[in-house]
Amino acid sequence: MAEQEVGRWQCEKCGSTIVAAGTRTKAFKGVGAFTGECPWACGAWVNRGFRSIKPGAVRAYRADQWDQRPLGA
C-alpha cells in the first residue's frame, strides 16, 4: 500500500509547511510518531504522533516535495 498524507502543519521555527506521510493500518490501534529535524533544515525538532500508524512508519516531507511527487509513487 502506498503512503498517504496523514498530517500537514507549519513549522514553529521557519513557518514552512511540513507534510507527514505513512501507511495507516486498521488492525493497529496504537500511535506512531515522526521524531526528527524539520525537513526544511531550519534546525527545529519535530515530534508528532499519528493514530493507526506503526511506530517508525511516518516520514516528514517538505510540502513542495510531497505535492509534486508523481501520483501512485
N, C-alpha and C. Protein backbone atom coordinates (compact mmCIF):
# COMPACT_ATOMS: atom_id res chain seq x y z
N MET A 1 0.84 -1.18 0.00
CA MET A 1 0.00 0.00 0.00
C MET A 1 0.89 1.24 0.00
N ALA A 2 0.50 2.24 -0.76
CA ALA A 2 1.29 3.47 -0.89
C ALA A 2 1.10 4.38 0.32
N GLU A 3 2.08 5.22 0.55
CA GLU A 3 1.97 6.21 1.62
C GLU A 3 0.85 7.18 1.29
N GLN A 4 0.22 7.67 2.33
CA GLN A 4 -0.80 8.70 2.18
C GLN A 4 -0.50 9.82 3.15
N GLU A 5 -0.98 10.99 2.85
CA GLU A 5 -0.79 12.12 3.74
C GLU A 5 -1.60 11.90 5.00
N VAL A 6 -0.94 12.05 6.15
CA VAL A 6 -1.62 11.85 7.44
C VAL A 6 -1.60 13.10 8.30
N GLY A 7 -0.91 14.13 7.86
CA GLY A 7 -0.87 15.37 8.61
C GLY A 7 -0.13 16.45 7.84
N ARG A 8 -0.49 17.70 8.12
CA ARG A 8 0.14 18.86 7.49
C ARG A 8 0.10 20.00 8.49
N TRP A 9 1.22 20.69 8.69
CA TRP A 9 1.28 21.79 9.64
C TRP A 9 2.42 22.72 9.28
N GLN A 10 2.45 23.87 9.92
CA GLN A 10 3.52 24.85 9.74
C GLN A 10 4.60 24.61 10.78
N CYS A 11 5.85 24.65 10.37
CA CYS A 11 6.96 24.55 11.31
C CYS A 11 6.90 25.75 12.25
N GLU A 12 7.09 25.49 13.54
CA GLU A 12 7.03 26.57 14.52
C GLU A 12 8.21 27.52 14.41
N LYS A 13 9.32 27.07 13.83
CA LYS A 13 10.51 27.91 13.74
C LYS A 13 10.57 28.68 12.42
N CYS A 14 10.43 27.99 11.28
CA CYS A 14 10.61 28.66 9.98
C CYS A 14 9.30 29.01 9.29
N GLY A 15 8.18 28.42 9.75
CA GLY A 15 6.88 28.73 9.17
C GLY A 15 6.57 27.98 7.88
N SER A 16 7.47 27.13 7.40
CA SER A 16 7.24 26.38 6.18
C SER A 16 6.32 25.20 6.46
N THR A 17 5.63 24.74 5.42
CA THR A 17 4.67 23.65 5.57
C THR A 17 5.36 22.30 5.52
N ILE A 18 5.03 21.46 6.50
CA ILE A 18 5.55 20.10 6.60
C ILE A 18 4.40 19.13 6.37
N VAL A 19 4.65 18.08 5.61
CA VAL A 19 3.65 17.04 5.36
C VAL A 19 4.16 15.73 5.96
N ALA A 20 3.33 15.08 6.75
CA ALA A 20 3.66 13.75 7.27
C ALA A 20 2.92 12.72 6.43
N ALA A 21 3.62 11.64 6.10
CA ALA A 21 3.02 10.59 5.28
C ALA A 21 3.36 9.24 5.87
N GLY A 22 2.45 8.31 5.69
CA GLY A 22 2.65 6.95 6.17
C GLY A 22 1.53 6.06 5.69
N THR A 23 1.57 4.82 6.13
CA THR A 23 0.54 3.86 5.75
C THR A 23 -0.26 3.50 6.99
N ARG A 24 -1.53 3.84 6.98
CA ARG A 24 -2.41 3.51 8.11
C ARG A 24 -2.72 2.02 8.09
N THR A 25 -2.76 1.43 9.28
CA THR A 25 -3.07 0.02 9.42
C THR A 25 -4.29 -0.11 10.32
N LYS A 26 -5.41 -0.58 9.78
CA LYS A 26 -6.65 -0.68 10.56
C LYS A 26 -6.50 -1.57 11.78
N ALA A 27 -5.70 -2.63 11.67
CA ALA A 27 -5.55 -3.57 12.77
C ALA A 27 -4.69 -2.99 13.90
N PHE A 28 -3.89 -1.97 13.61
CA PHE A 28 -3.03 -1.36 14.63
C PHE A 28 -3.76 -0.19 15.25
N LYS A 29 -4.03 -0.25 16.53
CA LYS A 29 -4.80 0.79 17.22
C LYS A 29 -3.92 1.77 17.99
N GLY A 30 -2.62 1.63 17.88
CA GLY A 30 -1.71 2.49 18.61
C GLY A 30 -1.39 3.77 17.87
N VAL A 31 -0.30 4.41 18.30
CA VAL A 31 0.13 5.68 17.74
C VAL A 31 1.58 5.57 17.30
N GLY A 32 1.82 5.92 16.06
CA GLY A 32 3.19 6.02 15.56
C GLY A 32 3.56 7.49 15.54
N ALA A 33 4.84 7.78 15.44
CA ALA A 33 5.25 9.18 15.50
C ALA A 33 6.39 9.46 14.54
N PHE A 34 6.50 10.73 14.19
CA PHE A 34 7.69 11.20 13.50
C PHE A 34 8.46 12.03 14.51
N THR A 35 9.70 11.70 14.70
CA THR A 35 10.58 12.46 15.57
C THR A 35 11.86 12.71 14.78
N GLY A 36 12.17 13.96 14.55
CA GLY A 36 13.37 14.29 13.80
C GLY A 36 13.41 15.76 13.46
N GLU A 37 14.39 16.13 12.65
CA GLU A 37 14.56 17.53 12.27
C GLU A 37 13.54 17.96 11.23
N CYS A 38 13.25 19.23 11.22
CA CYS A 38 12.37 19.81 10.22
C CYS A 38 12.95 19.51 8.84
N PRO A 39 12.14 19.04 7.89
CA PRO A 39 12.66 18.74 6.56
C PRO A 39 13.14 19.97 5.80
N TRP A 40 12.85 21.16 6.31
CA TRP A 40 13.31 22.39 5.68
C TRP A 40 14.69 22.79 6.19
N ALA A 41 15.28 21.98 7.05
CA ALA A 41 16.64 22.19 7.58
C ALA A 41 16.81 23.51 8.31
N CYS A 42 15.78 23.91 9.05
CA CYS A 42 15.87 25.15 9.81
C CYS A 42 16.44 24.91 11.21
N GLY A 43 16.58 23.64 11.57
CA GLY A 43 17.12 23.31 12.88
C GLY A 43 16.07 22.99 13.93
N ALA A 44 14.79 23.14 13.59
CA ALA A 44 13.72 22.81 14.55
C ALA A 44 13.60 21.31 14.71
N TRP A 45 13.19 20.87 15.89
CA TRP A 45 12.98 19.46 16.17
C TRP A 45 11.48 19.20 16.15
N VAL A 46 11.05 18.18 15.40
CA VAL A 46 9.64 17.85 15.24
C VAL A 46 9.35 16.55 15.99
N ASN A 47 8.26 16.55 16.74
CA ASN A 47 7.81 15.36 17.45
C ASN A 47 6.29 15.33 17.37
N ARG A 48 5.75 14.55 16.42
CA ARG A 48 4.30 14.49 16.20
C ARG A 48 3.84 13.04 16.17
N GLY A 49 2.69 12.76 16.77
CA GLY A 49 2.12 11.41 16.78
C GLY A 49 0.95 11.31 15.83
N PHE A 50 0.73 10.08 15.30
CA PHE A 50 -0.35 9.84 14.34
C PHE A 50 -1.00 8.50 14.66
N ARG A 51 -2.32 8.46 14.74
CA ARG A 51 -3.06 7.25 15.08
C ARG A 51 -3.04 6.24 13.95
N SER A 52 -3.10 4.98 14.32
CA SER A 52 -3.20 3.85 13.39
C SER A 52 -2.02 3.70 12.44
N ILE A 53 -0.88 4.23 12.82
CA ILE A 53 0.34 4.06 12.03
C ILE A 53 1.38 3.46 12.95
N LYS A 54 2.01 2.40 12.50
CA LYS A 54 3.00 1.73 13.33
C LYS A 54 4.20 2.64 13.59
N PRO A 55 4.81 2.54 14.77
CA PRO A 55 5.99 3.34 15.09
C PRO A 55 7.08 3.15 14.02
N GLY A 56 7.68 4.25 13.64
CA GLY A 56 8.74 4.23 12.64
C GLY A 56 8.25 4.26 11.20
N ALA A 57 6.92 4.29 11.00
CA ALA A 57 6.37 4.25 9.65
C ALA A 57 5.91 5.61 9.14
N VAL A 58 6.22 6.68 9.86
CA VAL A 58 5.84 8.03 9.45
C VAL A 58 7.08 8.76 8.96
N ARG A 59 6.96 9.42 7.81
CA ARG A 59 8.06 10.23 7.30
C ARG A 59 7.57 11.65 7.06
N ALA A 60 8.46 12.61 7.22
CA ALA A 60 8.11 14.01 7.01
C ALA A 60 8.74 14.50 5.70
N TYR A 61 7.98 15.29 4.98
CA TYR A 61 8.41 15.84 3.69
C TYR A 61 8.21 17.34 3.68
N ARG A 62 8.96 18.02 2.84
CA ARG A 62 8.65 19.41 2.52
C ARG A 62 7.36 19.38 1.72
N ALA A 63 6.48 20.33 1.94
CA ALA A 63 5.19 20.32 1.25
C ALA A 63 5.38 20.35 -0.26
N ASP A 64 6.35 21.11 -0.75
CA ASP A 64 6.54 21.19 -2.20
C ASP A 64 6.99 19.84 -2.78
N GLN A 65 7.81 19.10 -2.04
CA GLN A 65 8.24 17.77 -2.50
C GLN A 65 7.05 16.80 -2.53
N TRP A 66 6.23 16.83 -1.50
CA TRP A 66 5.09 15.93 -1.43
C TRP A 66 4.07 16.26 -2.53
N ASP A 67 3.77 17.52 -2.72
CA ASP A 67 2.76 17.93 -3.68
C ASP A 67 3.18 17.69 -5.13
N GLN A 68 4.50 17.63 -5.39
CA GLN A 68 4.98 17.47 -6.76
C GLN A 68 5.35 16.02 -7.09
N ARG A 69 5.19 15.09 -6.17
CA ARG A 69 5.54 13.71 -6.44
C ARG A 69 4.59 13.12 -7.47
N PRO A 70 5.06 12.18 -8.24
CA PRO A 70 4.14 11.55 -9.21
C PRO A 70 3.06 10.76 -8.49
N LEU A 71 1.86 10.81 -8.99
CA LEU A 71 0.75 10.06 -8.38
C LEU A 71 1.04 8.57 -8.49
N GLY A 72 0.73 7.84 -7.46
CA GLY A 72 0.97 6.40 -7.43
C GLY A 72 2.36 6.05 -6.97
N ALA A 73 3.17 7.04 -6.61
CA ALA A 73 4.53 6.77 -6.15
C ALA A 73 4.54 6.38 -4.71
